């Protein structure tokens, strides 16, 4: 019997893209002010406690500079403290395709991402959640359905499915 493992993307799933074109965008000098996605920390913490235990991992595609900003943002917003997900469970890669071998190594069974293309690479992950999809990702999901794909608009919806 396989133990469930949750994988979570960061940008657009934990870090809200609502500020993308503002001076508090994650890509601005004021990146620490970029808000978290509503209920993300509370629901990730609840999922960690009630279903996944210590088996929650962040898997993010970014370059070295954004990787450092991501670590700073997570610490500034007390993500690890609030959710119980340890800093060592944050994994970074340089391409979206590289998320697949990371998920295989970690034995991820459930993954939350806001990009259809990433989820399409995760063929070995049985349950995939397309989080607050953009129009192009929603259209692609309709044209090319993935087995085990759920489209969700909120962290409450993710938690409701998993708990």
N, C-alpha and C. Protein backbone atom coordinates (compact mmCIF):
# COMPACT_ATOMS: atom_id res chain seq x y z
N UNK A 1 0.83 -1.19 0.00
CA UNK A 1 0.00 0.00 0.00
C UNK A 1 0.88 1.25 0.00
N UNK A 2 0.61 2.16 -0.94
CA UNK A 2 1.40 3.38 -1.03
C UNK A 2 0.85 4.43 -0.07
N UNK A 3 1.75 5.12 0.60
CA UNK A 3 1.38 6.21 1.49
C UNK A 3 1.20 7.47 0.65
N UNK A 4 0.13 8.20 0.92
CA UNK A 4 -0.14 9.43 0.17
C UNK A 4 0.90 10.51 0.46
N UNK A 5 1.31 11.19 -0.60
CA UNK A 5 2.27 12.30 -0.52
C UNK A 5 1.70 13.45 -1.35
N UNK A 6 1.67 14.63 -0.75
CA UNK A 6 1.15 15.82 -1.42
C UNK A 6 2.28 16.69 -1.95
N UNK A 7 2.19 17.06 -3.21
CA UNK A 7 3.11 18.02 -3.82
C UNK A 7 2.36 19.30 -4.13
N UNK A 8 3.01 20.43 -3.89
CA UNK A 8 2.38 21.73 -4.07
C UNK A 8 3.32 22.67 -4.81
N UNK A 9 2.82 23.29 -5.86
CA UNK A 9 3.56 24.34 -6.55
C UNK A 9 3.55 25.59 -5.65
N UNK A 10 4.35 26.57 -5.98
CA UNK A 10 4.42 27.78 -5.16
C UNK A 10 3.75 28.97 -5.87
N UNK A 11 4.29 29.41 -7.01
CA UNK A 11 3.75 30.57 -7.70
C UNK A 11 2.36 30.32 -8.24
N UNK A 12 1.40 31.15 -7.85
CA UNK A 12 0.02 31.01 -8.30
C UNK A 12 -0.78 30.01 -7.49
N UNK A 13 -0.12 29.27 -6.60
CA UNK A 13 -0.79 28.28 -5.76
C UNK A 13 -0.65 28.66 -4.28
N UNK A 14 0.54 29.08 -3.89
CA UNK A 14 0.76 29.63 -2.54
C UNK A 14 0.92 31.14 -2.60
N UNK A 15 1.72 31.61 -3.56
CA UNK A 15 1.93 33.05 -3.76
C UNK A 15 0.91 33.52 -4.78
N UNK A 16 0.06 34.46 -4.38
CA UNK A 16 -1.03 34.91 -5.24
C UNK A 16 -0.50 35.68 -6.44
N UNK A 17 -1.09 35.42 -7.61
CA UNK A 17 -0.70 36.18 -8.81
C UNK A 17 -1.54 37.43 -8.97
N UNK A 18 -2.41 37.74 -8.00
CA UNK A 18 -3.28 38.90 -8.08
C UNK A 18 -2.48 40.20 -8.25
N UNK A 19 -1.29 40.24 -7.71
CA UNK A 19 -0.47 41.46 -7.76
C UNK A 19 0.51 41.45 -8.93
N UNK A 20 0.34 40.55 -9.89
CA UNK A 20 1.33 40.36 -10.95
C UNK A 20 1.75 41.64 -11.69
N UNK A 21 0.85 42.55 -11.93
CA UNK A 21 1.20 43.75 -12.68
C UNK A 21 1.25 44.99 -11.80
N UNK A 22 1.58 44.81 -10.52
CA UNK A 22 1.64 45.94 -9.60
C UNK A 22 3.02 46.06 -8.99
N UNK A 23 3.23 47.11 -8.21
CA UNK A 23 4.54 47.29 -7.58
C UNK A 23 4.77 46.34 -6.41
N UNK A 24 3.74 45.58 -6.02
CA UNK A 24 3.94 44.55 -4.99
C UNK A 24 3.96 43.15 -5.61
N UNK A 25 4.18 43.07 -6.90
CA UNK A 25 4.32 41.79 -7.57
C UNK A 25 5.50 41.03 -6.98
N UNK A 26 5.43 39.72 -7.05
CA UNK A 26 6.54 38.90 -6.59
C UNK A 26 7.82 39.20 -7.37
N UNK A 27 7.67 39.77 -8.56
CA UNK A 27 8.84 40.06 -9.39
C UNK A 27 9.33 41.49 -9.23
N UNK A 28 8.80 42.22 -8.24
CA UNK A 28 9.24 43.58 -7.96
C UNK A 28 10.19 43.57 -6.75
N UNK A 29 10.71 44.75 -6.42
CA UNK A 29 11.55 44.87 -5.23
C UNK A 29 10.76 44.68 -3.94
N UNK A 30 9.45 44.81 -4.02
CA UNK A 30 8.59 44.68 -2.84
C UNK A 30 7.92 43.29 -2.80
N UNK A 31 8.65 42.29 -3.25
CA UNK A 31 8.09 40.95 -3.39
C UNK A 31 7.59 40.36 -2.07
N UNK A 32 8.18 40.76 -0.95
CA UNK A 32 7.72 40.22 0.34
C UNK A 32 6.30 40.65 0.67
N UNK A 33 5.83 41.71 0.01
CA UNK A 33 4.47 42.19 0.24
C UNK A 33 3.44 41.44 -0.62
N UNK A 34 3.90 40.62 -1.54
CA UNK A 34 2.97 39.86 -2.36
C UNK A 34 2.16 38.94 -1.45
N UNK A 35 0.84 38.97 -1.58
CA UNK A 35 0.02 38.15 -0.66
C UNK A 35 0.05 36.67 -0.99
N UNK A 36 -0.30 35.90 0.03
CA UNK A 36 -0.50 34.46 -0.17
C UNK A 36 -1.89 34.26 -0.78
N UNK A 37 -2.07 33.16 -1.47
CA UNK A 37 -3.38 32.76 -1.97
C UNK A 37 -4.30 32.55 -0.76
N UNK A 38 -5.53 32.98 -0.88
CA UNK A 38 -6.49 32.85 0.22
C UNK A 38 -6.57 31.42 0.74
N UNK A 39 -6.47 31.28 2.03
CA UNK A 39 -6.61 30.00 2.74
C UNK A 39 -5.50 28.99 2.46
N UNK A 40 -4.50 29.36 1.68
CA UNK A 40 -3.45 28.39 1.31
C UNK A 40 -2.74 27.84 2.54
N UNK A 41 -2.27 28.69 3.42
CA UNK A 41 -1.50 28.22 4.57
C UNK A 41 -2.37 27.39 5.50
N UNK A 42 -3.58 27.86 5.76
CA UNK A 42 -4.48 27.13 6.66
C UNK A 42 -4.81 25.74 6.11
N UNK A 43 -5.10 25.66 4.82
CA UNK A 43 -5.49 24.37 4.24
C UNK A 43 -4.29 23.43 4.07
N UNK A 44 -3.13 23.96 3.69
CA UNK A 44 -1.94 23.10 3.60
C UNK A 44 -1.61 22.56 4.99
N UNK A 45 -1.69 23.42 5.99
CA UNK A 45 -1.45 22.96 7.36
C UNK A 45 -2.44 21.89 7.79
N UNK A 46 -3.70 22.09 7.47
CA UNK A 46 -4.74 21.12 7.82
C UNK A 46 -4.50 19.80 7.08
N UNK A 47 -4.19 19.87 5.79
CA UNK A 47 -3.91 18.65 5.03
C UNK A 47 -2.70 17.92 5.61
N UNK A 48 -1.67 18.68 5.99
CA UNK A 48 -0.47 18.06 6.58
C UNK A 48 -0.83 17.34 7.88
N UNK A 49 -1.64 17.97 8.70
CA UNK A 49 -2.00 17.36 9.99
C UNK A 49 -2.97 16.20 9.85
N UNK A 50 -3.99 16.36 9.00
CA UNK A 50 -5.10 15.41 8.99
C UNK A 50 -4.97 14.28 7.97
N UNK A 51 -4.11 14.43 6.98
CA UNK A 51 -4.02 13.35 5.98
C UNK A 51 -2.59 12.98 5.61
N UNK A 52 -1.75 13.96 5.38
CA UNK A 52 -0.44 13.67 4.79
C UNK A 52 0.71 13.62 5.80
N UNK A 53 0.46 14.04 7.02
CA UNK A 53 1.54 14.02 8.02
C UNK A 53 2.73 14.82 7.54
N UNK A 54 3.91 14.27 7.65
CA UNK A 54 5.13 14.95 7.21
C UNK A 54 5.40 14.76 5.74
N UNK A 55 4.39 14.38 4.98
CA UNK A 55 4.58 14.05 3.56
C UNK A 55 3.96 15.11 2.65
N UNK A 56 4.33 16.37 2.90
CA UNK A 56 3.93 17.48 2.04
C UNK A 56 5.21 18.14 1.54
N UNK A 57 5.31 18.33 0.23
CA UNK A 57 6.51 18.90 -0.38
C UNK A 57 6.12 20.03 -1.34
N UNK A 58 6.91 21.08 -1.33
CA UNK A 58 6.79 22.14 -2.32
C UNK A 58 7.72 21.79 -3.48
N UNK A 59 7.22 21.94 -4.70
CA UNK A 59 8.04 21.69 -5.89
C UNK A 59 7.83 22.88 -6.82
N UNK A 60 8.88 23.67 -7.01
CA UNK A 60 8.74 24.92 -7.75
C UNK A 60 9.79 25.03 -8.85
N UNK A 61 9.34 25.51 -10.00
CA UNK A 61 10.23 25.79 -11.13
C UNK A 61 10.61 27.25 -11.09
N UNK A 62 11.92 27.53 -11.00
CA UNK A 62 12.37 28.92 -11.00
C UNK A 62 13.89 28.96 -11.17
N UNK A 63 14.39 30.13 -11.46
CA UNK A 63 15.82 30.32 -11.54
C UNK A 63 16.39 30.59 -10.15
N UNK A 64 17.71 30.70 -10.05
CA UNK A 64 18.35 30.88 -8.75
C UNK A 64 17.88 32.13 -8.00
N UNK A 65 17.69 33.24 -8.69
CA UNK A 65 17.26 34.48 -8.02
C UNK A 65 15.85 34.34 -7.45
N UNK A 66 14.93 33.79 -8.23
CA UNK A 66 13.55 33.60 -7.76
C UNK A 66 13.51 32.52 -6.68
N UNK A 67 14.39 31.54 -6.76
CA UNK A 67 14.47 30.53 -5.70
C UNK A 67 14.79 31.19 -4.36
N UNK A 68 15.77 32.07 -4.35
CA UNK A 68 16.12 32.77 -3.10
C UNK A 68 14.98 33.66 -2.63
N UNK A 69 14.33 34.37 -3.56
CA UNK A 69 13.18 35.20 -3.19
C UNK A 69 12.04 34.34 -2.62
N UNK A 70 11.83 33.18 -3.20
CA UNK A 70 10.79 32.27 -2.72
C UNK A 70 11.08 31.83 -1.29
N UNK A 71 12.31 31.45 -1.02
CA UNK A 71 12.69 31.04 0.34
C UNK A 71 12.48 32.20 1.32
N UNK A 72 12.87 33.40 0.92
CA UNK A 72 12.67 34.57 1.78
C UNK A 72 11.19 34.85 2.01
N UNK A 73 10.38 34.73 0.94
CA UNK A 73 8.94 34.97 1.05
C UNK A 73 8.30 33.95 2.00
N UNK A 74 8.65 32.69 1.84
CA UNK A 74 8.10 31.64 2.71
C UNK A 74 8.46 31.91 4.16
N UNK A 75 9.70 32.30 4.42
CA UNK A 75 10.12 32.60 5.79
C UNK A 75 9.42 33.84 6.33
N UNK A 76 9.37 34.89 5.52
CA UNK A 76 8.73 36.15 5.93
C UNK A 76 7.26 35.94 6.31
N UNK A 77 6.57 35.11 5.55
CA UNK A 77 5.15 34.85 5.81
C UNK A 77 4.93 33.69 6.78
N UNK A 78 6.03 33.13 7.30
CA UNK A 78 5.99 32.06 8.31
C UNK A 78 5.29 30.79 7.81
N UNK A 79 5.43 30.53 6.52
CA UNK A 79 4.79 29.36 5.92
C UNK A 79 5.14 28.07 6.66
N UNK A 80 6.41 27.83 6.88
CA UNK A 80 6.84 26.57 7.49
C UNK A 80 6.31 26.45 8.91
N UNK A 81 6.36 27.53 9.64
CA UNK A 81 5.86 27.54 11.02
C UNK A 81 4.35 27.29 11.06
N UNK A 82 3.61 27.95 10.18
CA UNK A 82 2.15 27.85 10.19
C UNK A 82 1.67 26.49 9.70
N UNK A 83 2.30 25.95 8.67
CA UNK A 83 1.82 24.71 8.05
C UNK A 83 2.45 23.45 8.63
N UNK A 84 3.62 23.58 9.23
CA UNK A 84 4.36 22.40 9.68
C UNK A 84 5.16 21.73 8.59
N UNK A 85 5.17 22.31 7.39
CA UNK A 85 5.97 21.78 6.28
C UNK A 85 7.40 22.30 6.45
N UNK A 86 8.39 21.42 6.67
CA UNK A 86 9.75 21.88 6.94
C UNK A 86 10.42 22.51 5.71
N UNK A 87 11.34 23.45 5.93
CA UNK A 87 12.08 24.06 4.81
C UNK A 87 12.77 23.03 3.92
N UNK A 88 13.19 21.91 4.47
CA UNK A 88 13.86 20.88 3.68
C UNK A 88 12.91 20.23 2.67
N UNK A 89 11.62 20.48 2.82
CA UNK A 89 10.64 19.92 1.89
C UNK A 89 10.31 20.90 0.75
N UNK A 90 11.16 21.89 0.57
CA UNK A 90 11.03 22.80 -0.58
C UNK A 90 12.06 22.38 -1.62
N UNK A 91 11.58 22.01 -2.80
CA UNK A 91 12.45 21.51 -3.88
C UNK A 91 12.31 22.43 -5.08
N UNK A 92 13.42 22.71 -5.74
CA UNK A 92 13.43 23.65 -6.85
C UNK A 92 14.06 23.01 -8.07
N UNK A 93 13.54 23.38 -9.23
CA UNK A 93 14.09 22.90 -10.49
C UNK A 93 14.07 24.06 -11.49
N UNK A 94 14.74 23.89 -12.59
CA UNK A 94 14.89 24.98 -13.56
C UNK A 94 13.90 24.92 -14.72
N UNK A 95 13.29 23.75 -14.95
CA UNK A 95 12.28 23.63 -16.02
C UNK A 95 11.04 22.95 -15.45
N UNK A 96 9.91 23.21 -16.08
CA UNK A 96 8.66 22.59 -15.63
C UNK A 96 8.72 21.06 -15.74
N UNK A 97 9.36 20.57 -16.78
CA UNK A 97 9.47 19.13 -16.99
C UNK A 97 10.20 18.44 -15.85
N UNK A 98 11.14 19.16 -15.20
CA UNK A 98 11.93 18.59 -14.12
C UNK A 98 11.13 18.33 -12.85
N UNK A 99 9.90 18.84 -12.79
CA UNK A 99 9.06 18.53 -11.63
C UNK A 99 8.71 17.04 -11.60
N UNK A 100 8.60 16.42 -12.77
CA UNK A 100 8.21 15.00 -12.84
C UNK A 100 9.19 14.08 -12.11
N UNK A 101 10.50 14.14 -12.40
CA UNK A 101 11.40 13.23 -11.66
C UNK A 101 11.47 13.54 -10.17
N UNK A 102 11.29 14.80 -9.80
CA UNK A 102 11.26 15.14 -8.37
C UNK A 102 10.06 14.46 -7.73
N UNK A 103 8.90 14.56 -8.37
CA UNK A 103 7.69 13.93 -7.83
C UNK A 103 7.82 12.42 -7.78
N UNK A 104 8.47 11.84 -8.77
CA UNK A 104 8.70 10.39 -8.77
C UNK A 104 9.59 10.00 -7.59
N UNK A 105 10.68 10.74 -7.39
CA UNK A 105 11.60 10.46 -6.28
C UNK A 105 10.91 10.58 -4.93
N UNK A 106 10.03 11.58 -4.80
CA UNK A 106 9.33 11.81 -3.54
C UNK A 106 8.09 10.93 -3.37
N UNK A 107 7.74 10.19 -4.43
CA UNK A 107 6.55 9.33 -4.46
C UNK A 107 5.26 10.13 -4.26
N UNK A 108 5.19 11.29 -4.91
CA UNK A 108 4.01 12.16 -4.81
C UNK A 108 2.81 11.46 -5.43
N UNK A 109 1.70 11.47 -4.70
CA UNK A 109 0.45 10.86 -5.18
C UNK A 109 -0.60 11.91 -5.54
N UNK A 110 -0.43 13.13 -5.04
CA UNK A 110 -1.37 14.23 -5.28
C UNK A 110 -0.54 15.49 -5.52
N UNK A 111 -0.91 16.26 -6.56
CA UNK A 111 -0.13 17.47 -6.85
C UNK A 111 -1.07 18.61 -7.22
N UNK A 112 -0.79 19.79 -6.67
CA UNK A 112 -1.56 21.00 -6.94
C UNK A 112 -0.68 21.99 -7.70
N UNK A 113 -1.14 22.39 -8.91
CA UNK A 113 -0.39 23.34 -9.74
C UNK A 113 -1.37 24.19 -10.51
N UNK A 114 -0.95 25.38 -10.89
CA UNK A 114 -1.83 26.26 -11.66
C UNK A 114 -1.56 26.20 -13.16
N UNK A 115 -0.73 25.26 -13.59
CA UNK A 115 -0.40 25.15 -15.02
C UNK A 115 -0.69 23.74 -15.52
N UNK A 116 -1.49 23.68 -16.57
CA UNK A 116 -1.84 22.40 -17.17
C UNK A 116 -0.60 21.67 -17.68
N UNK A 117 0.32 22.40 -18.32
CA UNK A 117 1.49 21.73 -18.90
C UNK A 117 2.29 21.00 -17.83
N UNK A 118 2.44 21.60 -16.64
CA UNK A 118 3.16 20.92 -15.56
C UNK A 118 2.44 19.63 -15.20
N UNK A 119 1.13 19.72 -15.01
CA UNK A 119 0.36 18.53 -14.63
C UNK A 119 0.42 17.45 -15.71
N UNK A 120 0.54 17.86 -16.96
CA UNK A 120 0.63 16.87 -18.05
C UNK A 120 1.94 16.09 -17.99
N UNK A 121 3.00 16.68 -17.42
CA UNK A 121 4.27 15.97 -17.28
C UNK A 121 4.24 14.96 -16.13
N UNK A 122 3.30 15.12 -15.21
CA UNK A 122 3.27 14.31 -13.98
C UNK A 122 2.42 13.05 -14.17
N UNK A 123 2.73 12.27 -15.19
CA UNK A 123 1.93 11.09 -15.53
C UNK A 123 1.92 10.05 -14.41
N UNK A 124 2.94 10.02 -13.58
CA UNK A 124 2.99 9.04 -12.49
C UNK A 124 2.27 9.51 -11.22
N UNK A 125 1.76 10.73 -11.24
CA UNK A 125 1.00 11.24 -10.09
C UNK A 125 -0.48 10.96 -10.36
N UNK A 126 -1.10 10.10 -9.56
CA UNK A 126 -2.48 9.69 -9.86
C UNK A 126 -3.52 10.79 -9.73
N UNK A 127 -3.36 11.72 -8.79
CA UNK A 127 -4.36 12.77 -8.58
C UNK A 127 -3.68 14.12 -8.77
N UNK A 128 -4.20 14.87 -9.75
CA UNK A 128 -3.63 16.18 -10.07
C UNK A 128 -4.73 17.23 -10.00
N UNK A 129 -4.38 18.38 -9.43
CA UNK A 129 -5.33 19.47 -9.24
C UNK A 129 -4.86 20.69 -10.02
N UNK A 130 -5.68 21.13 -10.97
CA UNK A 130 -5.41 22.34 -11.74
C UNK A 130 -6.06 23.50 -10.97
N UNK A 131 -5.23 24.32 -10.36
CA UNK A 131 -5.65 25.33 -9.40
C UNK A 131 -5.88 26.68 -10.07
N UNK A 132 -7.07 27.23 -9.91
CA UNK A 132 -7.43 28.54 -10.47
C UNK A 132 -6.84 28.73 -11.87
N UNK A 133 -7.23 27.86 -12.80
CA UNK A 133 -6.58 27.88 -14.12
C UNK A 133 -6.86 29.13 -14.92
N UNK A 134 -5.86 29.53 -15.70
CA UNK A 134 -6.03 30.58 -16.69
C UNK A 134 -6.88 30.01 -17.82
N UNK A 135 -7.44 30.89 -18.64
CA UNK A 135 -8.32 30.45 -19.74
C UNK A 135 -7.63 29.44 -20.66
N UNK A 136 -6.37 29.70 -21.02
CA UNK A 136 -5.68 28.79 -21.94
C UNK A 136 -5.50 27.40 -21.33
N UNK A 137 -5.25 27.33 -20.02
CA UNK A 137 -5.09 26.03 -19.37
C UNK A 137 -6.43 25.31 -19.24
N UNK A 138 -7.48 26.06 -18.99
CA UNK A 138 -8.82 25.48 -18.91
C UNK A 138 -9.24 24.91 -20.27
N UNK A 139 -8.94 25.67 -21.34
CA UNK A 139 -9.26 25.21 -22.69
C UNK A 139 -8.48 23.94 -23.03
N UNK A 140 -7.21 23.91 -22.67
CA UNK A 140 -6.40 22.72 -22.97
C UNK A 140 -6.89 21.51 -22.17
N UNK A 141 -7.29 21.73 -20.93
CA UNK A 141 -7.81 20.63 -20.11
C UNK A 141 -9.09 20.06 -20.71
N UNK A 142 -9.88 20.92 -21.36
CA UNK A 142 -11.10 20.45 -22.02
C UNK A 142 -10.77 19.64 -23.27
N UNK A 143 -9.77 20.12 -24.04
CA UNK A 143 -9.37 19.43 -25.28
C UNK A 143 -8.62 18.14 -25.02
N UNK A 144 -7.75 18.17 -24.00
CA UNK A 144 -6.86 17.04 -23.71
C UNK A 144 -7.00 16.63 -22.25
N UNK A 145 -8.11 15.98 -21.88
CA UNK A 145 -8.31 15.65 -20.47
C UNK A 145 -7.22 14.70 -19.95
N UNK A 146 -6.78 14.95 -18.73
CA UNK A 146 -5.80 14.10 -18.08
C UNK A 146 -6.50 13.19 -17.09
N UNK A 147 -6.09 11.95 -17.04
CA UNK A 147 -6.65 11.04 -16.05
C UNK A 147 -6.30 11.54 -14.65
N UNK A 148 -7.27 11.54 -13.77
CA UNK A 148 -7.04 11.95 -12.39
C UNK A 148 -6.96 13.45 -12.19
N UNK A 149 -7.41 14.24 -13.17
CA UNK A 149 -7.33 15.70 -13.07
C UNK A 149 -8.63 16.27 -12.50
N UNK A 150 -8.49 17.14 -11.51
CA UNK A 150 -9.62 17.91 -10.98
C UNK A 150 -9.29 19.38 -11.15
N UNK A 151 -10.27 20.14 -11.56
CA UNK A 151 -10.11 21.59 -11.67
C UNK A 151 -10.70 22.21 -10.42
N UNK A 152 -9.90 22.99 -9.70
CA UNK A 152 -10.33 23.58 -8.43
C UNK A 152 -10.09 25.09 -8.44
N UNK A 153 -10.96 25.79 -7.76
CA UNK A 153 -10.86 27.26 -7.72
C UNK A 153 -10.34 27.78 -6.38
N UNK A 154 -10.22 26.91 -5.39
CA UNK A 154 -9.82 27.39 -4.06
C UNK A 154 -9.13 26.28 -3.28
N UNK A 155 -8.42 26.68 -2.24
CA UNK A 155 -7.82 25.70 -1.34
C UNK A 155 -8.87 24.95 -0.56
N UNK A 156 -10.00 25.59 -0.30
CA UNK A 156 -11.10 24.89 0.38
C UNK A 156 -11.59 23.73 -0.47
N UNK A 157 -11.64 23.91 -1.79
CA UNK A 157 -12.05 22.83 -2.69
C UNK A 157 -11.04 21.69 -2.69
N UNK A 158 -9.76 22.01 -2.65
CA UNK A 158 -8.73 20.98 -2.58
C UNK A 158 -8.90 20.18 -1.29
N UNK A 159 -9.02 20.90 -0.18
CA UNK A 159 -9.17 20.23 1.12
C UNK A 159 -10.43 19.40 1.19
N UNK A 160 -11.52 19.92 0.64
CA UNK A 160 -12.79 19.17 0.66
C UNK A 160 -12.64 17.85 -0.09
N UNK A 161 -11.88 17.83 -1.17
CA UNK A 161 -11.69 16.60 -1.94
C UNK A 161 -10.78 15.62 -1.20
N UNK A 162 -9.81 16.13 -0.47
CA UNK A 162 -8.80 15.28 0.13
C UNK A 162 -9.09 14.84 1.58
N UNK A 163 -9.99 15.52 2.24
CA UNK A 163 -10.26 15.18 3.64
C UNK A 163 -11.57 14.44 3.81
